Amino acid sequence: MKTEKNSDVLQGMDVNTEDAIVTLSDKIWEIGSIDEIRQQVSDVTFTFHVVTNVIGNCQGDGWMSIVEYHADLLPYISSAMYEIGLDKVGEATKNIANIFPLDISVLSDSEFCKVVNFMKGHKTDLEELKKYSESEQEKMSEQYFDTIDKLDEIAEKLWYYGCPDNEGWGVVSRYLEKHLQDNFWK
């Protein structure tokens, strides 16, 4: 098995820079899908990857972009946040996939898109969702938007641009520094 360390990938880069974080994350994405990544990299590297992608996407487009365009991360976010020391985010995302009325892990991209649209209050042709009344859909939609808003409020204080602590990347930099000599691969 490969014995490369996180420090080998970074080749002396300062972990307190976005460049170092992006370099490591880009190397991880070269592996493939989130499931392939999870199977091949160490737990430390995987945690780094999940948190980095959550922060980066939040900074760019907020939590809605994660929920709607990076749903493959949802099962891993809570434990990664706890691991890195962001317990408030870990708690808030503990059951994040449950904001959807269907198990999103088994849906096709097209079906998932229909579920998201349903959560935003649109009509659907997806049979599994037709059983919900209009008022049930409204309640689910309200819960969906409330969850996103609460997560955005938490993230705004932690890692939106202009935040202290290295523009919000400080927690990742400290984690990376602590784990520089850990294995990149499993």
N, C-alpha and C. Protein backbone atom coordinates (compact mmCIF):
# COMPACT_ATOMS: atom_id res chain seq x y z
N MET A 1 0.84 -1.19 0.00
CA MET A 1 0.00 0.00 0.00
C MET A 1 0.88 1.24 0.00
N LYS A 2 0.33 2.33 -0.44
CA LYS A 2 1.06 3.59 -0.53
C LYS A 2 1.34 4.13 0.88
N THR A 3 2.50 4.76 1.06
CA THR A 3 2.86 5.26 2.38
C THR A 3 3.00 6.77 2.41
N GLU A 4 2.55 7.44 1.40
CA GLU A 4 2.66 8.89 1.31
C GLU A 4 1.97 9.57 2.50
N LYS A 5 2.62 10.57 3.03
CA LYS A 5 2.08 11.37 4.13
C LYS A 5 1.44 12.64 3.57
N ASN A 6 0.62 13.29 4.36
CA ASN A 6 0.02 14.56 3.94
C ASN A 6 1.11 15.59 3.64
N SER A 7 2.18 15.57 4.44
CA SER A 7 3.29 16.52 4.22
C SER A 7 3.98 16.27 2.88
N ASP A 8 4.01 15.01 2.42
CA ASP A 8 4.61 14.70 1.12
C ASP A 8 3.83 15.36 -0.02
N VAL A 9 2.53 15.38 0.10
CA VAL A 9 1.69 16.00 -0.93
C VAL A 9 1.93 17.51 -0.95
N LEU A 10 2.07 18.11 0.23
CA LEU A 10 2.20 19.56 0.32
C LEU A 10 3.63 20.06 0.07
N GLN A 11 4.58 19.20 0.15
CA GLN A 11 5.98 19.53 -0.17
C GLN A 11 6.43 20.85 0.44
N GLY A 12 6.23 21.01 1.74
CA GLY A 12 6.72 22.18 2.44
C GLY A 12 5.85 23.42 2.36
N MET A 13 4.70 23.33 1.75
CA MET A 13 3.81 24.49 1.67
C MET A 13 3.34 24.90 3.07
N ASP A 14 3.10 26.17 3.27
CA ASP A 14 2.59 26.69 4.52
C ASP A 14 1.12 26.28 4.66
N VAL A 15 0.79 25.49 5.69
CA VAL A 15 -0.57 24.99 5.87
C VAL A 15 -1.56 26.10 6.22
N ASN A 16 -1.06 27.28 6.52
CA ASN A 16 -1.93 28.40 6.85
C ASN A 16 -2.34 29.21 5.62
N THR A 17 -2.22 28.61 4.46
CA THR A 17 -2.62 29.30 3.24
C THR A 17 -3.71 28.50 2.53
N GLU A 18 -4.55 29.21 1.79
CA GLU A 18 -5.56 28.54 0.98
C GLU A 18 -4.90 27.68 -0.10
N ASP A 19 -3.74 28.10 -0.58
CA ASP A 19 -3.03 27.33 -1.60
C ASP A 19 -2.73 25.91 -1.13
N ALA A 20 -2.28 25.77 0.11
CA ALA A 20 -1.99 24.44 0.65
C ALA A 20 -3.26 23.61 0.76
N ILE A 21 -4.31 24.24 1.23
CA ILE A 21 -5.58 23.53 1.40
C ILE A 21 -6.12 23.09 0.04
N VAL A 22 -6.05 23.97 -0.94
CA VAL A 22 -6.53 23.64 -2.29
C VAL A 22 -5.66 22.55 -2.92
N THR A 23 -4.36 22.62 -2.72
CA THR A 23 -3.45 21.62 -3.28
C THR A 23 -3.80 20.22 -2.78
N LEU A 24 -3.99 20.09 -1.48
CA LEU A 24 -4.33 18.79 -0.91
C LEU A 24 -5.71 18.34 -1.37
N SER A 25 -6.67 19.24 -1.36
CA SER A 25 -8.03 18.88 -1.78
C SER A 25 -8.06 18.47 -3.25
N ASP A 26 -7.33 19.19 -4.11
CA ASP A 26 -7.28 18.82 -5.54
C ASP A 26 -6.69 17.43 -5.74
N LYS A 27 -5.66 17.11 -4.97
CA LYS A 27 -5.05 15.76 -5.07
C LYS A 27 -6.08 14.71 -4.68
N ILE A 28 -6.86 15.01 -3.67
CA ILE A 28 -7.88 14.05 -3.22
C ILE A 28 -8.95 13.87 -4.29
N TRP A 29 -9.40 14.97 -4.90
CA TRP A 29 -10.45 14.87 -5.93
C TRP A 29 -9.99 14.08 -7.15
N GLU A 30 -8.70 14.01 -7.39
CA GLU A 30 -8.17 13.22 -8.51
C GLU A 30 -8.54 11.75 -8.38
N ILE A 31 -8.81 11.30 -7.18
CA ILE A 31 -9.14 9.90 -6.93
C ILE A 31 -10.47 9.52 -7.56
N GLY A 32 -11.45 10.42 -7.50
CA GLY A 32 -12.76 10.13 -8.09
C GLY A 32 -13.89 10.59 -7.21
N SER A 33 -14.92 9.75 -7.11
CA SER A 33 -16.14 10.09 -6.35
C SER A 33 -15.85 10.08 -4.85
N ILE A 34 -16.79 10.61 -4.09
CA ILE A 34 -16.63 10.66 -2.65
C ILE A 34 -16.51 9.26 -2.07
N ASP A 35 -17.21 8.29 -2.63
CA ASP A 35 -17.11 6.91 -2.13
C ASP A 35 -15.74 6.31 -2.42
N GLU A 36 -15.21 6.58 -3.61
CA GLU A 36 -13.86 6.10 -3.94
C GLU A 36 -12.82 6.75 -3.04
N ILE A 37 -13.00 8.02 -2.79
CA ILE A 37 -12.09 8.75 -1.91
C ILE A 37 -12.13 8.14 -0.51
N ARG A 38 -13.33 7.95 0.02
CA ARG A 38 -13.50 7.40 1.38
C ARG A 38 -12.83 6.04 1.52
N GLN A 39 -12.88 5.25 0.46
CA GLN A 39 -12.30 3.91 0.49
C GLN A 39 -10.78 3.92 0.40
N GLN A 40 -10.20 4.96 -0.18
CA GLN A 40 -8.77 4.94 -0.45
C GLN A 40 -7.91 5.80 0.47
N VAL A 41 -8.44 6.89 0.98
CA VAL A 41 -7.62 7.77 1.80
C VAL A 41 -7.82 7.48 3.29
N SER A 42 -6.87 7.92 4.09
CA SER A 42 -6.97 7.74 5.54
C SER A 42 -8.16 8.52 6.08
N ASP A 43 -8.58 8.16 7.28
CA ASP A 43 -9.69 8.86 7.92
C ASP A 43 -9.38 10.34 8.11
N VAL A 44 -8.14 10.65 8.46
CA VAL A 44 -7.72 12.04 8.64
C VAL A 44 -7.85 12.81 7.33
N THR A 45 -7.36 12.22 6.26
CA THR A 45 -7.42 12.87 4.95
C THR A 45 -8.87 13.05 4.50
N PHE A 46 -9.70 12.05 4.77
CA PHE A 46 -11.10 12.13 4.39
C PHE A 46 -11.81 13.24 5.18
N THR A 47 -11.55 13.32 6.48
CA THR A 47 -12.14 14.39 7.29
C THR A 47 -11.73 15.75 6.74
N PHE A 48 -10.44 15.91 6.48
CA PHE A 48 -9.95 17.16 5.90
C PHE A 48 -10.73 17.48 4.62
N HIS A 49 -10.89 16.51 3.77
CA HIS A 49 -11.54 16.70 2.47
C HIS A 49 -13.00 17.14 2.63
N VAL A 50 -13.74 16.47 3.49
CA VAL A 50 -15.15 16.81 3.69
C VAL A 50 -15.28 18.24 4.23
N VAL A 51 -14.52 18.55 5.27
CA VAL A 51 -14.62 19.88 5.89
C VAL A 51 -14.20 20.96 4.90
N THR A 52 -13.12 20.71 4.18
CA THR A 52 -12.64 21.69 3.20
C THR A 52 -13.70 21.97 2.14
N ASN A 53 -14.35 20.94 1.66
CA ASN A 53 -15.36 21.13 0.63
C ASN A 53 -16.61 21.80 1.17
N VAL A 54 -16.97 21.51 2.40
CA VAL A 54 -18.12 22.19 3.00
C VAL A 54 -17.81 23.68 3.16
N ILE A 55 -16.65 23.99 3.72
CA ILE A 55 -16.29 25.40 3.92
C ILE A 55 -16.20 26.13 2.58
N GLY A 56 -15.51 25.53 1.63
CA GLY A 56 -15.35 26.17 0.32
C GLY A 56 -16.67 26.43 -0.37
N ASN A 57 -17.56 25.45 -0.32
CA ASN A 57 -18.87 25.63 -0.96
C ASN A 57 -19.74 26.61 -0.19
N CYS A 58 -19.63 26.60 1.13
CA CYS A 58 -20.38 27.59 1.92
C CYS A 58 -19.92 28.99 1.60
N GLN A 59 -18.61 29.17 1.51
CA GLN A 59 -18.09 30.49 1.20
C GLN A 59 -18.56 30.96 -0.17
N GLY A 60 -18.68 30.04 -1.09
CA GLY A 60 -19.08 30.40 -2.44
C GLY A 60 -20.58 30.60 -2.60
N ASP A 61 -21.36 29.64 -2.11
CA ASP A 61 -22.80 29.66 -2.40
C ASP A 61 -23.69 29.29 -1.22
N GLY A 62 -23.15 29.13 -0.03
CA GLY A 62 -23.96 28.82 1.13
C GLY A 62 -24.32 27.35 1.22
N TRP A 63 -25.03 27.02 2.28
CA TRP A 63 -25.39 25.63 2.56
C TRP A 63 -26.31 25.04 1.51
N MET A 64 -27.12 25.87 0.89
CA MET A 64 -28.04 25.31 -0.11
C MET A 64 -27.25 24.63 -1.24
N SER A 65 -26.11 25.18 -1.59
CA SER A 65 -25.31 24.56 -2.66
C SER A 65 -24.79 23.19 -2.22
N ILE A 66 -24.48 23.04 -0.96
CA ILE A 66 -24.01 21.73 -0.47
C ILE A 66 -25.16 20.74 -0.51
N VAL A 67 -26.30 21.13 0.03
CA VAL A 67 -27.44 20.24 0.09
C VAL A 67 -27.92 19.85 -1.31
N GLU A 68 -27.92 20.80 -2.23
CA GLU A 68 -28.48 20.53 -3.54
C GLU A 68 -27.48 20.02 -4.57
N TYR A 69 -26.22 20.40 -4.47
CA TYR A 69 -25.25 20.02 -5.50
C TYR A 69 -24.14 19.11 -5.00
N HIS A 70 -24.07 18.93 -3.69
CA HIS A 70 -23.03 18.07 -3.12
C HIS A 70 -23.64 17.15 -2.07
N ALA A 71 -24.80 16.62 -2.39
CA ALA A 71 -25.52 15.76 -1.44
C ALA A 71 -24.71 14.52 -1.09
N ASP A 72 -23.75 14.16 -1.94
CA ASP A 72 -22.91 13.00 -1.64
C ASP A 72 -22.07 13.23 -0.38
N LEU A 73 -21.87 14.48 0.01
CA LEU A 73 -21.12 14.80 1.23
C LEU A 73 -21.99 14.67 2.49
N LEU A 74 -23.30 14.78 2.35
CA LEU A 74 -24.18 14.87 3.51
C LEU A 74 -23.98 13.77 4.56
N PRO A 75 -23.82 12.51 4.17
CA PRO A 75 -23.66 11.48 5.21
C PRO A 75 -22.39 11.63 6.04
N TYR A 76 -21.44 12.40 5.58
CA TYR A 76 -20.14 12.48 6.24
C TYR A 76 -19.89 13.80 6.98
N ILE A 77 -20.73 14.77 6.75
CA ILE A 77 -20.46 16.12 7.27
C ILE A 77 -20.44 16.15 8.79
N SER A 78 -21.44 15.62 9.43
CA SER A 78 -21.53 15.72 10.89
C SER A 78 -20.31 15.12 11.58
N SER A 79 -19.95 13.90 11.23
CA SER A 79 -18.80 13.28 11.91
C SER A 79 -17.51 14.01 11.60
N ALA A 80 -17.35 14.52 10.38
CA ALA A 80 -16.14 15.27 10.04
C ALA A 80 -16.07 16.56 10.85
N MET A 81 -17.20 17.23 11.04
CA MET A 81 -17.21 18.47 11.81
C MET A 81 -16.89 18.20 13.28
N TYR A 82 -17.44 17.13 13.83
CA TYR A 82 -17.09 16.77 15.20
C TYR A 82 -15.59 16.47 15.31
N GLU A 83 -15.08 15.72 14.36
CA GLU A 83 -13.67 15.33 14.37
C GLU A 83 -12.74 16.54 14.34
N ILE A 84 -13.11 17.55 13.59
CA ILE A 84 -12.25 18.72 13.45
C ILE A 84 -12.48 19.74 14.57
N GLY A 85 -13.49 19.49 15.40
CA GLY A 85 -13.73 20.36 16.55
C GLY A 85 -14.83 21.38 16.36
N LEU A 86 -15.61 21.25 15.30
CA LEU A 86 -16.73 22.16 15.05
C LEU A 86 -18.03 21.48 15.49
N ASP A 87 -18.15 21.32 16.83
CA ASP A 87 -19.27 20.57 17.39
C ASP A 87 -20.63 21.17 17.06
N LYS A 88 -20.72 22.50 17.01
CA LYS A 88 -22.00 23.15 16.71
C LYS A 88 -22.47 22.78 15.30
N VAL A 89 -21.55 22.75 14.36
CA VAL A 89 -21.90 22.35 12.99
C VAL A 89 -22.20 20.86 12.95
N GLY A 90 -21.41 20.07 13.69
CA GLY A 90 -21.65 18.63 13.76
C GLY A 90 -23.04 18.32 14.26
N GLU A 91 -23.45 19.02 15.31
CA GLU A 91 -24.78 18.82 15.88
C GLU A 91 -25.87 19.26 14.89
N ALA A 92 -25.67 20.41 14.27
CA ALA A 92 -26.68 20.95 13.35
C ALA A 92 -26.84 20.10 12.09
N THR A 93 -25.83 19.32 11.76
CA THR A 93 -25.89 18.51 10.53
C THR A 93 -26.04 17.02 10.82
N LYS A 94 -26.28 16.68 12.07
CA LYS A 94 -26.32 15.26 12.47
C LYS A 94 -27.27 14.44 11.59
N ASN A 95 -28.43 14.95 11.32
CA ASN A 95 -29.43 14.22 10.53
C ASN A 95 -29.86 15.02 9.31
N ILE A 96 -28.91 15.67 8.69
CA ILE A 96 -29.23 16.60 7.61
C ILE A 96 -29.98 15.94 6.45
N ALA A 97 -29.64 14.72 6.13
CA ALA A 97 -30.32 14.05 5.01
C ALA A 97 -31.80 13.82 5.31
N ASN A 98 -32.18 13.87 6.59
CA ASN A 98 -33.58 13.65 6.98
C ASN A 98 -34.49 14.83 6.64
N ILE A 99 -33.93 15.93 6.13
CA ILE A 99 -34.81 17.03 5.73
C ILE A 99 -35.56 16.66 4.45
N PHE A 100 -35.11 15.60 3.79
CA PHE A 100 -35.79 15.13 2.59
C PHE A 100 -36.77 14.03 2.95
N PRO A 101 -37.92 13.96 2.27
CA PRO A 101 -38.92 12.94 2.59
C PRO A 101 -38.56 11.55 2.04
N LEU A 102 -37.54 11.48 1.20
CA LEU A 102 -37.10 10.19 0.63
C LEU A 102 -35.63 9.97 0.94
N ASP A 103 -35.22 8.72 0.88
CA ASP A 103 -33.81 8.38 1.06
C ASP A 103 -33.05 8.81 -0.19
N ILE A 104 -32.32 9.91 -0.09
CA ILE A 104 -31.66 10.47 -1.26
C ILE A 104 -30.49 9.63 -1.75
N SER A 105 -29.99 8.74 -0.90
CA SER A 105 -28.83 7.93 -1.31
C SER A 105 -29.18 6.92 -2.40
N VAL A 106 -30.46 6.66 -2.61
CA VAL A 106 -30.86 5.68 -3.62
C VAL A 106 -31.51 6.32 -4.85
N LEU A 107 -31.54 7.64 -4.89
CA LEU A 107 -32.19 8.34 -5.99
C LEU A 107 -31.22 8.61 -7.15
N SER A 108 -31.76 8.61 -8.34
CA SER A 108 -30.98 9.05 -9.50
C SER A 108 -30.84 10.56 -9.42
N ASP A 109 -29.98 11.12 -10.24
CA ASP A 109 -29.82 12.58 -10.26
C ASP A 109 -31.14 13.27 -10.62
N SER A 110 -31.86 12.71 -11.56
CA SER A 110 -33.13 13.28 -11.99
C SER A 110 -34.16 13.23 -10.85
N GLU A 111 -34.22 12.11 -10.15
CA GLU A 111 -35.16 11.99 -9.04
C GLU A 111 -34.78 12.95 -7.91
N PHE A 112 -33.50 13.06 -7.64
CA PHE A 112 -33.05 13.97 -6.59
C PHE A 112 -33.45 15.41 -6.93
N CYS A 113 -33.27 15.78 -8.17
CA CYS A 113 -33.66 17.13 -8.62
C CYS A 113 -35.15 17.36 -8.38
N LYS A 114 -35.96 16.35 -8.64
CA LYS A 114 -37.40 16.46 -8.42
C LYS A 114 -37.72 16.60 -6.94
N VAL A 115 -36.97 15.90 -6.10
CA VAL A 115 -37.18 16.00 -4.65
C VAL A 115 -36.81 17.42 -4.18
N VAL A 116 -35.69 17.94 -4.65
CA VAL A 116 -35.29 19.30 -4.28
C VAL A 116 -36.35 20.30 -4.72
N ASN A 117 -36.83 20.17 -5.93
CA ASN A 117 -37.87 21.09 -6.42
C ASN A 117 -39.14 20.97 -5.57
N PHE A 118 -39.48 19.74 -5.19
CA PHE A 118 -40.63 19.51 -4.31
C PHE A 118 -40.43 20.24 -2.98
N MET A 119 -39.20 20.16 -2.45
CA MET A 119 -38.89 20.82 -1.18
C MET A 119 -38.99 22.34 -1.29
N LYS A 120 -38.84 22.83 -2.49
CA LYS A 120 -38.94 24.28 -2.72
C LYS A 120 -40.37 24.70 -3.05
N GLY A 121 -41.30 23.74 -2.96
CA GLY A 121 -42.71 24.07 -3.13
C GLY A 121 -43.28 23.82 -4.51
N HIS A 122 -42.52 23.19 -5.39
CA HIS A 122 -42.99 22.92 -6.75
C HIS A 122 -43.73 21.59 -6.82
N LYS A 123 -44.61 21.49 -7.77
CA LYS A 123 -45.32 20.23 -8.01
C LYS A 123 -44.33 19.22 -8.57
N THR A 124 -44.68 17.94 -8.43
CA THR A 124 -43.78 16.89 -8.89
C THR A 124 -44.56 15.77 -9.56
N ASP A 125 -43.87 15.05 -10.42
CA ASP A 125 -44.45 13.86 -11.02
C ASP A 125 -43.86 12.59 -10.40
N LEU A 126 -43.08 12.75 -9.36
CA LEU A 126 -42.48 11.62 -8.67
C LEU A 126 -43.53 10.97 -7.77
N GLU A 127 -43.89 9.74 -8.09
CA GLU A 127 -44.99 9.04 -7.41
C GLU A 127 -44.85 9.04 -5.89
N GLU A 128 -43.63 8.82 -5.40
CA GLU A 128 -43.41 8.72 -3.95
C GLU A 128 -43.75 10.02 -3.22
N LEU A 129 -43.76 11.13 -3.93
CA LEU A 129 -44.03 12.43 -3.31
C LEU A 129 -45.48 12.87 -3.47
N LYS A 130 -46.20 12.22 -4.38
CA LYS A 130 -47.59 12.61 -4.63
C LYS A 130 -48.51 12.31 -3.45
N LYS A 131 -48.05 11.45 -2.53
CA LYS A 131 -48.88 11.09 -1.37
C LYS A 131 -49.00 12.22 -0.35
N TYR A 132 -48.13 13.22 -0.45
CA TYR A 132 -48.14 14.32 0.50
C TYR A 132 -49.14 15.39 0.09
N SER A 133 -49.90 15.85 1.07
CA SER A 133 -50.86 16.92 0.80
C SER A 133 -50.10 18.23 0.59
N GLU A 134 -50.81 19.21 0.11
CA GLU A 134 -50.21 20.53 -0.10
C GLU A 134 -49.71 21.12 1.22
N SER A 135 -50.48 20.94 2.29
CA SER A 135 -50.05 21.48 3.58
C SER A 135 -48.85 20.71 4.13
N GLU A 136 -48.78 19.42 3.89
CA GLU A 136 -47.59 18.64 4.31
C GLU A 136 -46.36 19.11 3.54
N GLN A 137 -46.55 19.35 2.25
CA GLN A 137 -45.44 19.84 1.43
C GLN A 137 -44.98 21.21 1.92
N GLU A 138 -45.92 22.07 2.26
CA GLU A 138 -45.57 23.40 2.77
C GLU A 138 -44.75 23.29 4.06
N LYS A 139 -45.13 22.39 4.95
CA LYS A 139 -44.39 22.19 6.20
C LYS A 139 -42.98 21.67 5.91
N MET A 140 -42.87 20.73 5.00
CA MET A 140 -41.54 20.20 4.64
C MET A 140 -40.68 21.28 4.01
N SER A 141 -41.30 22.07 3.18
CA SER A 141 -40.58 23.16 2.52
C SER A 141 -40.09 24.17 3.55
N GLU A 142 -40.95 24.50 4.49
CA GLU A 142 -40.57 25.44 5.55
C GLU A 142 -39.40 24.88 6.37
N GLN A 143 -39.48 23.60 6.72
CA GLN A 143 -38.40 22.97 7.48
C GLN A 143 -37.10 22.97 6.66
N TYR A 144 -37.22 22.72 5.38
CA TYR A 144 -36.05 22.71 4.49
C TYR A 144 -35.34 24.06 4.51
N PHE A 145 -36.11 25.12 4.27
CA PHE A 145 -35.52 26.46 4.24
C PHE A 145 -35.03 26.91 5.62
N ASP A 146 -35.74 26.52 6.69
CA ASP A 146 -35.30 26.84 8.05
C ASP A 146 -33.96 26.17 8.35
N THR A 147 -33.82 24.93 7.96
CA THR A 147 -32.57 24.20 8.19
C THR A 147 -31.42 24.87 7.46
N ILE A 148 -31.62 25.22 6.21
CA ILE A 148 -30.59 25.89 5.41
C ILE A 148 -30.23 27.23 6.05
N ASP A 149 -31.24 28.00 6.46
CA ASP A 149 -31.00 29.30 7.08
C ASP A 149 -30.19 29.17 8.37
N LYS A 150 -30.54 28.19 9.21
CA LYS A 150 -29.82 27.98 10.47
C LYS A 150 -28.36 27.60 10.20
N LEU A 151 -28.14 26.75 9.22
CA LEU A 151 -26.78 26.36 8.89
C LEU A 151 -25.99 27.54 8.34
N ASP A 152 -26.63 28.35 7.51
CA ASP A 152 -25.95 29.55 6.99
C ASP A 152 -25.60 30.52 8.12
N GLU A 153 -26.48 30.65 9.10
CA GLU A 153 -26.20 31.53 10.24
C GLU A 153 -24.98 31.04 11.02
N ILE A 154 -24.90 29.75 11.25
CA ILE A 154 -23.75 29.17 11.96
C ILE A 154 -22.48 29.39 11.15
N ALA A 155 -22.54 29.07 9.87
CA ALA A 155 -21.36 29.16 9.01
C ALA A 155 -20.88 30.60 8.84
N GLU A 156 -21.81 31.52 8.81
CA GLU A 156 -21.45 32.93 8.61
C GLU A 156 -20.47 33.40 9.68
N LYS A 157 -20.65 32.94 10.88
CA LYS A 157 -19.78 33.36 11.99
C LYS A 157 -18.44 32.62 11.97
N LEU A 158 -18.40 31.47 11.33
CA LEU A 158 -17.20 30.64 11.37
C LEU A 158 -16.28 30.79 10.17
N TRP A 159 -16.86 30.83 8.96
CA TRP A 159 -15.97 30.73 7.82
C TRP A 159 -16.39 31.46 6.55
N TYR A 160 -17.32 32.36 6.66
CA TYR A 160 -17.57 33.17 5.47
C TYR A 160 -16.42 34.15 5.31
N TYR A 161 -16.18 34.60 4.09
CA TYR A 161 -15.08 35.52 3.84
C TYR A 161 -15.21 36.75 4.73
N GLY A 162 -14.10 37.22 5.19
CA GLY A 162 -14.07 38.34 6.10
C GLY A 162 -14.06 37.90 7.55
N CYS A 163 -14.25 36.60 7.79
CA CYS A 163 -14.21 36.10 9.16
C CYS A 163 -12.77 36.14 9.67
N PRO A 164 -12.64 36.26 10.97
CA PRO A 164 -11.30 36.14 11.53
C PRO A 164 -10.83 34.69 11.36
N ASP A 165 -9.66 34.41 11.83
CA ASP A 165 -9.13 33.05 11.80
C ASP A 165 -8.86 32.59 10.37
N ASN A 166 -8.01 33.38 9.68
CA ASN A 166 -7.55 33.02 8.35
C ASN A 166 -8.71 32.87 7.36
N GLU A 167 -9.58 33.87 7.34
CA GLU A 167 -10.75 33.88 6.45
C GLU A 167 -11.63 32.63 6.63
N GLY A 168 -11.65 32.09 7.84
CA GLY A 168 -12.46 30.92 8.13
C GLY A 168 -11.74 29.61 7.92
N TRP A 169 -10.53 29.64 7.37
CA TRP A 169 -9.78 28.40 7.10
C TRP A 169 -8.91 27.98 8.27
N GLY A 170 -8.87 28.75 9.34
CA GLY A 170 -7.99 28.46 10.46
C GLY A 170 -8.19 27.08 11.06
N VAL A 171 -9.43 26.68 11.21
CA VAL A 171 -9.71 25.37 11.80
C VAL A 171 -9.15 24.25 10.91
N VAL A 172 -9.21 24.42 9.61
CA VAL A 172 -8.67 23.43 8.69
C VAL A 172 -7.14 23.43 8.74
N SER A 173 -6.56 24.63 8.77
CA SER A 173 -5.10 24.74 8.84
C SER A 173 -4.55 24.09 10.09
N ARG A 174 -5.20 24.32 11.23
CA ARG A 174 -4.74 23.71 12.49
C ARG A 174 -4.87 22.19 12.44
N TYR A 175 -5.96 21.70 11.88
CA TYR A 175 -6.15 20.26 11.75
C TYR A 175 -5.08 19.67 10.85
N LEU A 176 -4.84 20.32 9.74
CA LEU A 176 -3.83 19.86 8.79
C LEU A 176 -2.44 19.87 9.43
N GLU A 177 -2.13 20.93 10.14
CA GLU A 177 -0.82 21.03 10.80
C GLU A 177 -0.64 19.89 11.81
N LYS A 178 -1.70 19.60 12.55
CA LYS A 178 -1.67 18.51 13.54
C LYS A 178 -1.47 17.15 12.88
N HIS A 179 -1.93 17.02 11.64
CA HIS A 179 -1.92 15.71 10.97
C HIS A 179 -1.01 15.66 9.74
N LEU A 180 -0.04 16.54 9.67
CA LEU A 180 0.88 16.56 8.52
C LEU A 180 1.62 15.25 8.32
N GLN A 181 1.96 14.59 9.40
CA GLN A 181 2.75 13.36 9.29
C GLN A 181 1.87 12.10 9.28
N ASP A 182 0.55 12.30 9.22
CA ASP A 182 -0.35 11.16 9.09
C ASP A 182 -0.37 10.69 7.63
N ASN A 183 -0.71 9.45 7.46
CA ASN A 183 -0.80 8.89 6.11
C ASN A 183 -1.89 9.56 5.30
N PHE A 184 -1.58 9.82 4.04
CA PHE A 184 -2.57 10.31 3.09
C PHE A 184 -3.50 9.15 2.71
N TRP A 185 -2.93 8.01 2.42
CA TRP A 185 -3.67 6.82 1.98
C TRP A 185 -4.01 5.94 3.18
N LYS A 186 -4.97 5.05 3.00
CA LYS A 186 -5.31 4.05 4.04
C LYS A 186 -4.17 3.10 4.19
